[in-house]
Protein backbone atom coordinates (compact mmCIF):
# COMPACT_ATOMS: atom_id res chain seq x y z
CA MET A 1 0.00 0.00 0.00
CA GLN A 2 2.86 2.40 0.84
CA ILE A 3 4.64 1.54 -2.43
CA ALA A 4 1.49 2.26 -4.45
CA SER A 5 1.00 5.52 -2.59
CA THR A 6 4.59 6.76 -2.93
CA LEU A 7 5.43 5.57 -6.46
CA ALA A 8 2.06 5.82 -8.21
CA GLY A 9 0.21 8.51 -6.23
CA PHE A 10 -2.50 6.16 -4.90
CA ARG A 11 -4.67 7.42 -2.07
CA MET A 12 -4.57 4.99 0.84
CA GLY A 13 -8.16 3.92 0.17
CA ASP A 14 -7.23 3.07 -3.45
CA ALA A 15 -4.07 1.33 -2.26
CA ASP A 16 -6.22 -0.83 0.01
CA LEU A 17 -8.31 -1.87 -3.03
CA LEU A 18 -5.07 -2.86 -4.78
CA ARG A 19 -4.03 -4.89 -1.72
CA ARG A 20 -7.41 -6.64 -1.65
CA ALA A 21 -7.27 -7.48 -5.36
CA MET A 22 -3.79 -8.96 -4.91
CA GLY A 23 -4.79 -10.91 -1.82
CA LYS A 24 -7.83 -12.43 -3.52
CA LYS A 25 -5.96 -12.93 -6.82
CA ILE A 26 -8.77 -11.46 -8.94
CA ALA A 27 -7.24 -11.38 -12.45
CA SER A 28 -9.67 -8.85 -13.99
CA GLU A 29 -9.28 -6.47 -11.05
CA MET A 30 -5.50 -6.91 -11.10
CA ASP A 31 -5.40 -5.84 -14.77
CA LYS A 32 -7.30 -2.64 -13.89
CA GLN A 33 -5.03 -1.94 -10.93
CA ARG A 34 -1.91 -2.59 -13.02
CA GLU A 35 -3.01 -0.02 -15.61
CA LYS A 36 -3.81 2.48 -12.87
CA PHE A 37 -0.45 1.86 -11.18
CA LEU A 38 1.53 2.32 -14.43
CA THR A 39 -0.37 5.51 -15.24
CA GLY A 40 0.25 6.91 -11.76
CA ALA A 41 3.92 5.91 -11.90
CA ALA A 42 4.33 7.68 -15.26
CA HIS A 43 2.95 10.88 -13.70
CA LYS A 44 5.60 10.45 -10.98
CA LYS A 45 8.18 10.17 -13.78
CA LEU A 46 9.07 6.55 -12.94
CA PRO A 47 10.39 4.65 -16.01
CA SER A 48 7.70 2.33 -17.38
CA ARG A 49 9.92 -0.80 -17.35
CA LYS A 50 10.84 -0.19 -13.73
CA ALA A 51 7.18 0.44 -12.79
CA GLU A 52 6.13 -2.81 -14.48
CA LYS A 53 8.86 -4.74 -12.66
CA ILE A 54 7.84 -3.26 -9.29
CA PHE A 55 4.16 -4.09 -9.87
CA ASP A 56 5.07 -7.67 -10.86
CA LEU A 57 7.18 -8.04 -7.71
CA MET A 58 4.28 -6.84 -5.56
CA ALA A 59 1.88 -9.27 -7.27
CA GLU A 60 4.34 -12.14 -6.80
CA PHE A 61 4.74 -11.32 -3.10
CA ALA A 62 0.94 -11.21 -2.69
CA GLY A 63 0.83 -14.80 -3.97
CA TYR A 64 1.86 -15.81 -0.46
CA GLY A 65 3.48 -13.27 1.76
CA PHE A 66 2.85 -11.64 5.11
CA ASN A 67 4.72 -9.62 7.69
CA ARG A 68 7.36 -10.99 10.04
CA SER A 69 5.25 -10.73 13.20
CA HIS A 70 2.65 -12.95 11.51
CA SER A 71 5.33 -15.47 10.53
CA ALA A 72 6.75 -15.46 14.06
CA ALA A 73 3.32 -16.18 15.58
CA TYR A 74 2.82 -19.15 13.24
CA ALA A 75 6.33 -20.43 13.97
CA LEU A 76 5.78 -20.28 17.73
CA ILE A 77 2.48 -22.19 17.54
CA ALA A 78 4.06 -24.74 15.17
CA TYR A 79 6.92 -25.30 17.63
CA GLN A 80 4.59 -25.63 20.63
CA THR A 81 2.22 -28.07 18.93
CA ALA A 82 5.10 -30.17 17.53
CA TYR A 83 6.58 -30.41 21.05
CA LEU A 84 3.23 -31.49 22.55
CA LYS A 85 2.52 -33.96 19.76
CA PHE A 86 5.91 -35.63 20.24
CA HIS A 87 6.09 -35.68 24.05
CA TYR A 88 2.37 -35.96 24.91
CA SER A 89 0.96 -37.58 21.76
CA THR A 90 -2.10 -39.21 23.40
CA GLU A 91 -3.18 -36.03 25.18
CA PHE A 92 -2.46 -33.96 22.06
CA MET A 93 -4.54 -36.19 19.78
CA SER A 94 -7.44 -36.34 22.26
CA ALA A 95 -7.48 -32.52 22.36
CA LEU A 96 -7.30 -32.39 18.56
CA LEU A 97 -10.24 -34.80 18.24
CA THR A 98 -12.20 -32.78 20.78
CA SER A 99 -11.66 -29.61 18.74
CA GLU A 100 -13.36 -31.29 15.76
CA VAL A 101 -16.38 -32.93 17.45
CA ASN A 102 -18.73 -31.17 15.03
CA ASP A 103 -16.87 -32.24 11.87
CA THR A 104 -17.25 -35.97 11.19
CA ASP A 105 -14.82 -36.02 8.25
CA LYS A 106 -12.02 -34.42 10.27
CA MET A 107 -12.70 -36.72 13.24
CA LEU A 108 -12.35 -39.77 11.00
CA PHE A 109 -9.13 -38.35 9.57
CA TYR A 110 -7.64 -37.85 13.05
CA ILE A 111 -8.86 -41.25 14.30
CA ASN A 112 -6.99 -42.85 11.40
CA ALA A 113 -3.96 -40.73 12.27
CA CYS A 114 -4.16 -42.10 15.84
CA ARG A 115 -4.19 -45.67 14.55
CA GLU A 116 -1.16 -44.99 12.36
CA ALA A 117 0.65 -43.58 15.41
CA GLY A 118 -0.20 -46.67 17.51
CA ILE A 119 -2.82 -44.88 19.61
CA LYS A 120 -6.02 -46.89 20.12
CA VAL A 121 -9.32 -44.99 20.09
CA LEU A 122 -11.68 -46.82 22.45
CA PRO A 123 -15.41 -46.80 21.65
CA PRO A 124 -17.90 -44.60 23.56
CA ASP A 125 -19.04 -46.08 26.89
CA ILE A 126 -21.73 -44.77 29.26
CA ASN A 127 -19.63 -45.77 32.27
CA GLU A 128 -16.20 -44.70 31.00
CA SER A 129 -16.60 -41.82 28.56
CA SER A 130 -16.48 -38.14 29.48
CA VAL A 131 -18.08 -35.30 27.56
CA TYR A 132 -15.13 -35.10 25.16
CA PHE A 133 -12.25 -37.32 24.07
CA THR A 134 -9.95 -38.17 26.97
CA ALA A 135 -6.49 -39.73 27.19
CA VAL A 136 -6.40 -43.12 28.92
CA GLY A 137 -2.90 -44.19 29.91
CA LYS A 138 -0.10 -43.65 27.40
CA SER A 139 -1.60 -45.04 24.22
CA GLU A 140 -5.40 -45.02 24.41
CA ILE A 141 -8.11 -42.40 23.91
CA ARG A 142 -11.69 -42.83 25.06
CA PHE A 143 -14.33 -41.58 22.62
CA GLY A 144 -16.30 -38.62 24.02
CA LEU A 145 -20.08 -38.98 24.30
CA ALA A 146 -20.67 -35.45 22.95
CA ALA A 147 -19.07 -36.57 19.67
CA VAL A 148 -21.86 -39.13 19.13
CA LYS A 149 -24.40 -37.93 16.57
CA ASN A 150 -27.69 -36.62 18.06
CA VAL A 151 -26.18 -36.48 21.57
CA GLY A 152 -25.60 -32.92 22.83
CA GLU A 153 -23.42 -31.60 25.63
CA ALA A 154 -26.37 -30.98 27.96
CA ALA A 155 -27.44 -34.63 27.68
CA VAL A 156 -23.90 -35.89 28.30
CA GLU A 157 -23.39 -33.66 31.32
CA SER A 158 -26.66 -34.96 32.74
CA ILE A 159 -25.50 -38.56 32.18
CA ILE A 160 -22.15 -37.96 33.88
CA GLU A 161 -23.83 -36.22 36.82
CA ALA A 162 -26.28 -39.14 37.22
CA ARG A 163 -23.45 -41.66 36.96
CA GLY A 164 -21.31 -40.06 39.65
CA SER A 165 -19.12 -42.73 41.22
CA ASP A 166 -21.80 -45.41 40.82
CA PRO A 167 -21.66 -47.03 37.33
CA PHE A 168 -24.84 -47.86 35.46
CA THR A 169 -25.71 -51.55 35.71
CA SER A 170 -28.47 -51.84 33.10
CA LEU A 171 -30.61 -49.86 30.68
CA ASP A 172 -33.33 -49.62 33.36
CA ASP A 173 -30.83 -48.33 35.89
CA PHE A 174 -29.56 -45.77 33.37
CA LEU A 175 -33.04 -44.48 32.48
CA LYS A 176 -34.14 -44.22 36.10
CA LYS A 177 -31.09 -42.13 37.07
CA VAL A 178 -30.79 -39.68 34.16
CA ASP A 179 -32.91 -36.57 33.61
CA SER A 180 -35.43 -37.60 30.93
CA ARG A 181 -35.92 -33.96 29.92
CA LYS A 182 -32.31 -33.84 28.71
CA VAL A 183 -31.77 -37.50 27.81
CA ASN A 184 -34.70 -38.31 25.53
CA LYS A 185 -35.46 -41.37 23.42
CA ARG A 186 -33.48 -40.13 20.43
CA VAL A 187 -30.36 -39.65 22.59
CA VAL A 188 -30.67 -43.13 24.12
CA GLU A 189 -31.17 -44.71 20.69
CA SER A 190 -28.02 -43.02 19.39
CA LEU A 191 -26.03 -44.21 22.42
CA ILE A 192 -27.25 -47.78 21.96
CA LYS A 193 -26.51 -47.80 18.22
CA CYS A 194 -22.95 -46.45 18.66
CA GLY A 195 -22.14 -49.14 21.24
CA ALA A 196 -22.08 -47.02 24.40
CA PHE A 197 -24.06 -49.73 26.24
CA ASP A 198 -22.03 -52.70 24.91
CA SER A 199 -20.07 -53.04 28.15
CA LEU A 200 -23.30 -54.04 29.93
CA GLY A 201 -23.19 -57.32 28.00
CA VAL A 202 -26.53 -56.99 26.17
CA HIS A 203 -26.93 -56.95 22.38
CA ARG A 204 -27.86 -53.62 20.82
CA ALA A 205 -30.90 -55.12 19.05
CA GLN A 206 -32.21 -56.38 22.41
CA LEU A 207 -31.81 -52.96 24.01
CA LEU A 208 -33.58 -51.23 21.11
CA SER A 209 -36.46 -53.74 21.25
CA ILE A 210 -37.15 -53.06 24.95
CA LEU A 211 -36.41 -49.31 24.87
CA ASP A 212 -40.05 -48.13 24.77
CA VAL A 213 -41.01 -50.35 27.72
CA ALA A 214 -37.90 -49.29 29.65
CA LEU A 215 -38.63 -45.60 29.02
CA SER A 216 -42.20 -46.08 30.25
CA ARG A 217 -40.98 -47.82 33.43
CA ALA A 218 -38.40 -45.08 34.05
CA ALA A 219 -41.02 -42.33 33.60
CA SER A 220 -43.33 -44.09 36.07
CA SER A 221 -40.49 -44.51 38.55
CA GLN A 222 -39.52 -40.82 38.29
CA ARG A 223 -43.16 -39.73 38.83
CA ASP A 224 -43.32 -41.91 41.95
CA LYS A 225 -40.19 -40.20 43.30
CA GLU A 226 -41.63 -36.74 42.64
CA VAL A 227 -44.77 -37.49 44.63
CA GLY A 228 -42.83 -39.24 47.40
């Protein structure tokens, strides 16, 4: 912007338009700006060949260039993340997976990266999982319940609060303890289908077949509690 202002008489607002055109690599706009730059440079008595060379250098730099403070910030983050990934790989990958809980494609990419690095991603479990991905030991990561489709954070937090230090022993036990306003049928179905109840030793098809009856029993039980 300063070059355009000094050598071609651009006002700073016009120089900003030139910067934007270069940054977005808009060919038609760049042609207009080039003509304007050469005209302005001629008025400043800058030789045309030199003006053309300077404009081309600016355009080449805009292909991928930014100031040193920007480069330094990237370099620092790159160094920090490389250090963490090398020395604390399980924790690093669990945090990375957690940051992408809303992007299935990226989660799958990072899960495959874990496998390639010898880190095992354990399936979701109602008695073991936390809200997000968590490191287990040195080479295992437990799948976070909030990363399961159709299961939100509020539902998971309710499940973890109901679980406390007393693990769920059955689907009935689970449904009687959790808040049915936050953990509805759709949430429970998703947890069953993804295998979060597998550790209870009952087939998923069996759990799905009795879900309506179990939900009805749990609702009745919770009403009884409310009325004492």
